[in-house]
Amino acid sequence: MLERVSDMTSLNTNILHHAPPFLRQAGSGIMNFLVQLAEFSSTYRAIEYYNSLSDEQLAEMGMTRQDVVQKVFGGRTHM
């Protein structure tokens, strides 16, 4: 089972639970790579930055927590 938890993501998969050890290891490596790739993105870093701010700091910027997704993703999301 692969499990990695960070402030923003929680990934838990047991798709390879019954696979031979070499496949579990390869699958684990691929999943870790994908998580690291996401964590290195500017979008992820922006979300991390805004999440690290207090509500008061966001208010000073004219934002609320609900505004963060729109600020970071712009028109790339449909919620």
C-alpha atoms as a PDB file:
ATOM      1  CA  MET A   1       0.000   0.000   0.000  1.00  0.00           C
ATOM      2  CA  LEU A   2       1.246   3.471  -0.869  1.00  0.00           C
ATOM      3  CA  GLU A   3       0.339   6.256   1.460  1.00  0.00           C
ATOM      4  CA  ARG A   4       1.682   9.766   1.422  1.00  0.00           C
ATOM      5  CA  VAL A   5       0.103  12.628   3.252  1.00  0.00           C
ATOM      6  CA  SER A   6       0.943  16.296   2.989  1.00  0.00           C
ATOM      7  CA  ASP A   7      -0.917  19.429   4.000  1.00  0.00           C
ATOM      8  CA  MET A   8      -2.884  19.489   0.758  1.00  0.00           C
ATOM      9  CA  THR A   9      -2.964  15.972  -0.545  1.00  0.00           C
ATOM     10  CA  SER A  10      -3.775  12.562   0.719  1.00  0.00           C
ATOM     11  CA  LEU A  11      -3.100   9.672  -1.586  1.00  0.00           C
ATOM     12  CA  ASN A  12      -4.021   6.181  -0.546  1.00  0.00           C
ATOM     13  CA  THR A  13      -4.111   3.358  -3.043  1.00  0.00           C
ATOM     14  CA  ASN A  14      -3.921  -0.381  -2.698  1.00  0.00           C
ATOM     15  CA  ILE A  15      -4.289  -1.178  -6.395  1.00  0.00           C
ATOM     16  CA  LEU A  16      -1.020  -3.129  -6.318  1.00  0.00           C
ATOM     17  CA  HIS A  17      -1.607  -4.715  -2.901  1.00  0.00           C
ATOM     18  CA  HIS A  18      -1.582  -8.271  -4.264  1.00  0.00           C
ATOM     19  CA  ALA A  19       0.962  -7.660  -7.032  1.00  0.00           C
ATOM     20  CA  PRO A  20       4.470  -9.137  -6.986  1.00  0.00           C
ATOM     21  CA  PRO A  21       6.991  -7.081  -4.977  1.00  0.00           C
ATOM     22  CA  PHE A  22       8.767  -5.659  -8.035  1.00  0.00           C
ATOM     23  CA  LEU A  23       5.447  -4.294  -9.384  1.00  0.00           C
ATOM     24  CA  ARG A  24       4.539  -2.817  -5.994  1.00  0.00           C
ATOM     25  CA  GLN A  25       7.929  -1.122  -5.866  1.00  0.00           C
ATOM     26  CA  ALA A  26       7.602   0.227  -9.421  1.00  0.00           C
ATOM     27  CA  GLY A  27       4.046   1.448  -8.765  1.00  0.00           C
ATOM     28  CA  SER A  28       5.168   3.082  -5.544  1.00  0.00           C
ATOM     29  CA  GLY A  29       7.994   4.857  -7.352  1.00  0.00           C
ATOM     30  CA  ILE A  30       5.668   6.131 -10.081  1.00  0.00           C
ATOM     31  CA  MET A  31       3.124   7.419  -7.555  1.00  0.00           C
ATOM     32  CA  ASN A  32       5.836   9.170  -5.522  1.00  0.00           C
ATOM     33  CA  PHE A  33       7.139  10.777  -8.713  1.00  0.00           C
ATOM     34  CA  LEU A  34       3.672  12.057  -9.632  1.00  0.00           C
ATOM     35  CA  VAL A  35       3.140  13.483  -6.133  1.00  0.00           C
ATOM     36  CA  GLN A  36       6.547  15.200  -6.231  1.00  0.00           C
ATOM     37  CA  LEU A  37       5.795  16.573  -9.692  1.00  0.00           C
ATOM     38  CA  ALA A  38       2.566  18.093  -8.395  1.00  0.00           C
ATOM     39  CA  GLU A  39       4.307  19.514  -5.322  1.00  0.00           C
ATOM     40  CA  PHE A  40       6.913  21.271  -7.475  1.00  0.00           C
ATOM     41  CA  SER A  41       4.291  23.039  -9.575  1.00  0.00           C
ATOM     42  CA  SER A  42       3.769  26.761  -9.181  1.00  0.00           C
ATOM     43  CA  THR A  43       0.056  26.136  -8.614  1.00  0.00           C
ATOM     44  CA  TYR A  44       0.778  23.862  -5.656  1.00  0.00           C
ATOM     45  CA  ARG A  45       3.229  26.400  -4.214  1.00  0.00           C
ATOM     46  CA  ALA A  46       0.652  29.182  -4.577  1.00  0.00           C
ATOM     47  CA  ILE A  47      -1.988  27.122  -2.758  1.00  0.00           C
ATOM     48  CA  GLU A  48       0.542  26.328  -0.021  1.00  0.00           C
ATOM     49  CA  TYR A  49       1.381  30.033   0.302  1.00  0.00           C
ATOM     50  CA  TYR A  50      -2.222  31.152   0.663  1.00  0.00           C
ATOM     51  CA  ASN A  51      -2.988  28.311   3.073  1.00  0.00           C
ATOM     52  CA  SER A  52      -0.090  29.431   5.264  1.00  0.00           C
ATOM     53  CA  LEU A  53      -1.663  32.886   5.708  1.00  0.00           C
ATOM     54  CA  SER A  54      -4.054  33.705   8.524  1.00  0.00           C
ATOM     55  CA  ASP A  55      -7.597  34.849   7.810  1.00  0.00           C
ATOM     56  CA  GLU A  56      -6.506  38.325   8.886  1.00  0.00           C
ATOM     57  CA  GLN A  57      -3.624  38.344   6.398  1.00  0.00           C
ATOM     58  CA  LEU A  58      -5.954  37.227   3.617  1.00  0.00           C
ATOM     59  CA  ALA A  59      -8.410  39.973   4.594  1.00  0.00           C
ATOM     60  CA  GLU A  60      -5.610  42.545   4.311  1.00  0.00           C
ATOM     61  CA  MET A  61      -5.185  41.326   0.728  1.00  0.00           C
ATOM     62  CA  GLY A  62      -8.929  41.690   0.140  1.00  0.00           C
ATOM     63  CA  MET A  63      -9.433  37.903   0.070  1.00  0.00           C
ATOM     64  CA  THR A  64     -11.141  35.134   2.002  1.00  0.00           C
ATOM     65  CA  ARG A  65     -10.273  31.432   1.977  1.00  0.00           C
ATOM     66  CA  GLN A  66     -13.077  30.934  -0.536  1.00  0.00           C
ATOM     67  CA  ASP A  67     -11.282  33.302  -2.935  1.00  0.00           C
ATOM     68  CA  VAL A  68      -8.032  31.320  -2.985  1.00  0.00           C
ATOM     69  CA  VAL A  69      -9.092  28.718  -5.561  1.00  0.00           C
ATOM     70  CA  GLN A  70     -10.336  31.373  -7.976  1.00  0.00           C
ATOM     71  CA  LYS A  71      -7.158  33.431  -7.433  1.00  0.00           C
ATOM     72  CA  VAL A  72      -4.825  30.483  -8.061  1.00  0.00           C
ATOM     73  CA  PHE A  73      -6.703  28.593 -10.765  1.00  0.00           C
ATOM     74  CA  GLY A  74      -8.538  31.488 -12.408  1.00  0.00           C
ATOM     75  CA  GLY A  75     -10.890  30.200 -15.081  1.00  0.00           C
ATOM     76  CA  ARG A  76      -9.331  26.731 -15.143  1.00  0.00           C
ATOM     77  CA  THR A  77     -11.841  25.296 -12.653  1.00  0.00           C
ATOM     78  CA  HIS A  78     -15.591  24.902 -12.723  1.00  0.00           C
ATOM     79  CA  MET A  79     -17.034  24.748  -9.227  1.00  0.00           C
END
